Amino acid sequence: MIDFDRYEQTAAWLEYCDGMSRFEAETEAARRQGLKRHEVKNANRIGDTTASGHQRQADARQPKNNMPTVQPAPQKEN
């Protein structure tokens, strides 16, 4: 089971406090969960929430399949 929150926090800590590169920090954070970096990155990329407790819920205020739109141009006054 992948704990994405713990993975991200650990990687951030290692990068900032221990001076590791992002790649090194992510690799070490994954290793601490018994995984390889590419396993965590692939699961996160495809949104594999079945493999973890990390749930991504749609914002209840937004309708399903809502896409951001461009702000309409202001109307010219006659």
C-alpha atoms as a PDB file:
ATOM      1  CA  MET A   1       0.000   0.000   0.000  1.00  0.00           C
ATOM      2  CA  ILE A   2       1.427   3.355  -1.048  1.00  0.00           C
ATOM      3  CA  ASP A   3       1.038   6.284   1.314  1.00  0.00           C
ATOM      4  CA  PHE A   4       1.411   9.194  -1.110  1.00  0.00           C
ATOM      5  CA  ASP A   5       1.213  11.844   1.591  1.00  0.00           C
ATOM      6  CA  ARG A   6       4.030  10.244   3.581  1.00  0.00           C
ATOM      7  CA  TYR A   7       6.053   9.727   0.392  1.00  0.00           C
ATOM      8  CA  GLU A   8       5.733  13.392  -0.623  1.00  0.00           C
ATOM      9  CA  GLN A   9       6.479  14.699   2.877  1.00  0.00           C
ATOM     10  CA  THR A  10       9.507  12.461   3.273  1.00  0.00           C
ATOM     11  CA  ALA A  11      10.849  13.411  -0.156  1.00  0.00           C
ATOM     12  CA  ALA A  12      10.366  17.118   0.572  1.00  0.00           C
ATOM     13  CA  TRP A  13      12.111  16.782   3.942  1.00  0.00           C
ATOM     14  CA  LEU A  14      15.063  14.920   2.463  1.00  0.00           C
ATOM     15  CA  GLU A  15      15.405  17.410  -0.374  1.00  0.00           C
ATOM     16  CA  TYR A  16      15.197  20.496   1.823  1.00  0.00           C
ATOM     17  CA  CYS A  17      16.897  19.434   5.039  1.00  0.00           C
ATOM     18  CA  ASP A  18      19.387  16.837   3.828  1.00  0.00           C
ATOM     19  CA  GLY A  19      20.320  18.658   0.626  1.00  0.00           C
ATOM     20  CA  MET A  20      19.473  15.767  -1.686  1.00  0.00           C
ATOM     21  CA  SER A  21      18.459  16.267  -5.286  1.00  0.00           C
ATOM     22  CA  ARG A  22      14.760  15.738  -5.958  1.00  0.00           C
ATOM     23  CA  PHE A  23      15.508  12.416  -7.680  1.00  0.00           C
ATOM     24  CA  GLU A  24      17.581  11.169  -4.735  1.00  0.00           C
ATOM     25  CA  ALA A  25      14.966  12.314  -2.219  1.00  0.00           C
ATOM     26  CA  GLU A  26      12.093  10.630  -4.089  1.00  0.00           C
ATOM     27  CA  THR A  27      14.125   7.445  -4.492  1.00  0.00           C
ATOM     28  CA  GLU A  28      14.894   7.334  -0.764  1.00  0.00           C
ATOM     29  CA  ALA A  29      11.297   8.157   0.202  1.00  0.00           C
ATOM     30  CA  ALA A  30      10.062   5.270  -1.959  1.00  0.00           C
ATOM     31  CA  ARG A  31      12.705   2.928  -0.522  1.00  0.00           C
ATOM     32  CA  ARG A  32      11.487   3.738   2.994  1.00  0.00           C
ATOM     33  CA  GLN A  33       8.070   2.382   1.977  1.00  0.00           C
ATOM     34  CA  GLY A  34       9.625  -0.729   0.481  1.00  0.00           C
ATOM     35  CA  LEU A  35       9.070   0.409  -3.097  1.00  0.00           C
ATOM     36  CA  LYS A  36      11.030   1.642  -6.071  1.00  0.00           C
ATOM     37  CA  ARG A  37      10.669   5.262  -7.179  1.00  0.00           C
ATOM     38  CA  HIS A  38       9.113   4.350 -10.530  1.00  0.00           C
ATOM     39  CA  GLU A  39       6.411   2.286  -8.786  1.00  0.00           C
ATOM     40  CA  VAL A  40       5.283   5.283  -6.746  1.00  0.00           C
ATOM     41  CA  LYS A  41       5.504   7.700  -9.678  1.00  0.00           C
ATOM     42  CA  ASN A  42       3.514   5.390 -11.984  1.00  0.00           C
ATOM     43  CA  ALA A  43       0.813   4.742  -9.375  1.00  0.00           C
ATOM     44  CA  ASN A  44       0.513   8.477  -8.742  1.00  0.00           C
ATOM     45  CA  ARG A  45       0.466   9.305 -12.460  1.00  0.00           C
ATOM     46  CA  ILE A  46      -2.375   6.916 -13.282  1.00  0.00           C
ATOM     47  CA  GLY A  47      -4.267   7.796 -10.105  1.00  0.00           C
ATOM     48  CA  ASP A  48      -4.111   4.281  -8.714  1.00  0.00           C
ATOM     49  CA  THR A  49      -6.065   4.888  -5.536  1.00  0.00           C
ATOM     50  CA  THR A  50      -6.791   1.191  -5.092  1.00  0.00           C
ATOM     51  CA  ALA A  51      -3.144   0.654  -4.159  1.00  0.00           C
ATOM     52  CA  SER A  52      -3.182   3.265  -1.440  1.00  0.00           C
ATOM     53  CA  GLY A  53      -5.190   5.105   1.149  1.00  0.00           C
ATOM     54  CA  HIS A  54      -4.749   8.299  -0.846  1.00  0.00           C
ATOM     55  CA  GLN A  55      -8.189   9.202  -2.194  1.00  0.00           C
ATOM     56  CA  ARG A  56      -8.780  11.922  -4.733  1.00  0.00           C
ATOM     57  CA  GLN A  57     -12.323  13.163  -4.496  1.00  0.00           C
ATOM     58  CA  ALA A  58     -13.919  15.546  -6.947  1.00  0.00           C
ATOM     59  CA  ASP A  59     -14.750  18.919  -5.515  1.00  0.00           C
ATOM     60  CA  ALA A  60     -18.422  18.731  -4.530  1.00  0.00           C
ATOM     61  CA  ARG A  61     -18.981  22.325  -5.696  1.00  0.00           C
ATOM     62  CA  GLN A  62     -17.982  21.530  -9.268  1.00  0.00           C
ATOM     63  CA  PRO A  63     -20.228  19.608 -11.660  1.00  0.00           C
ATOM     64  CA  LYS A  64     -18.883  16.347 -13.054  1.00  0.00           C
ATOM     65  CA  ASN A  65     -16.562  16.794 -16.071  1.00  0.00           C
ATOM     66  CA  ASN A  66     -16.297  20.520 -15.404  1.00  0.00           C
ATOM     67  CA  MET A  67     -13.519  22.058 -17.455  1.00  0.00           C
ATOM     68  CA  PRO A  68     -12.128  25.525 -16.768  1.00  0.00           C
ATOM     69  CA  THR A  69     -13.081  28.047 -19.394  1.00  0.00           C
ATOM     70  CA  VAL A  70     -11.610  31.217 -20.741  1.00  0.00           C
ATOM     71  CA  GLN A  71     -13.072  34.379 -19.293  1.00  0.00           C
ATOM     72  CA  PRO A  72     -15.376  35.966 -21.881  1.00  0.00           C
ATOM     73  CA  ALA A  73     -14.254  39.194 -23.486  1.00  0.00           C
ATOM     74  CA  PRO A  74     -15.965  42.292 -22.092  1.00  0.00           C
ATOM     75  CA  GLN A  75     -18.974  43.514 -24.065  1.00  0.00           C
ATOM     76  CA  LYS A  76     -18.557  46.830 -25.851  1.00  0.00           C
ATOM     77  CA  GLU A  77     -21.037  49.451 -24.759  1.00  0.00           C
ATOM     78  CA  ASN A  78     -22.912  51.284 -27.530  1.00  0.00           C
END
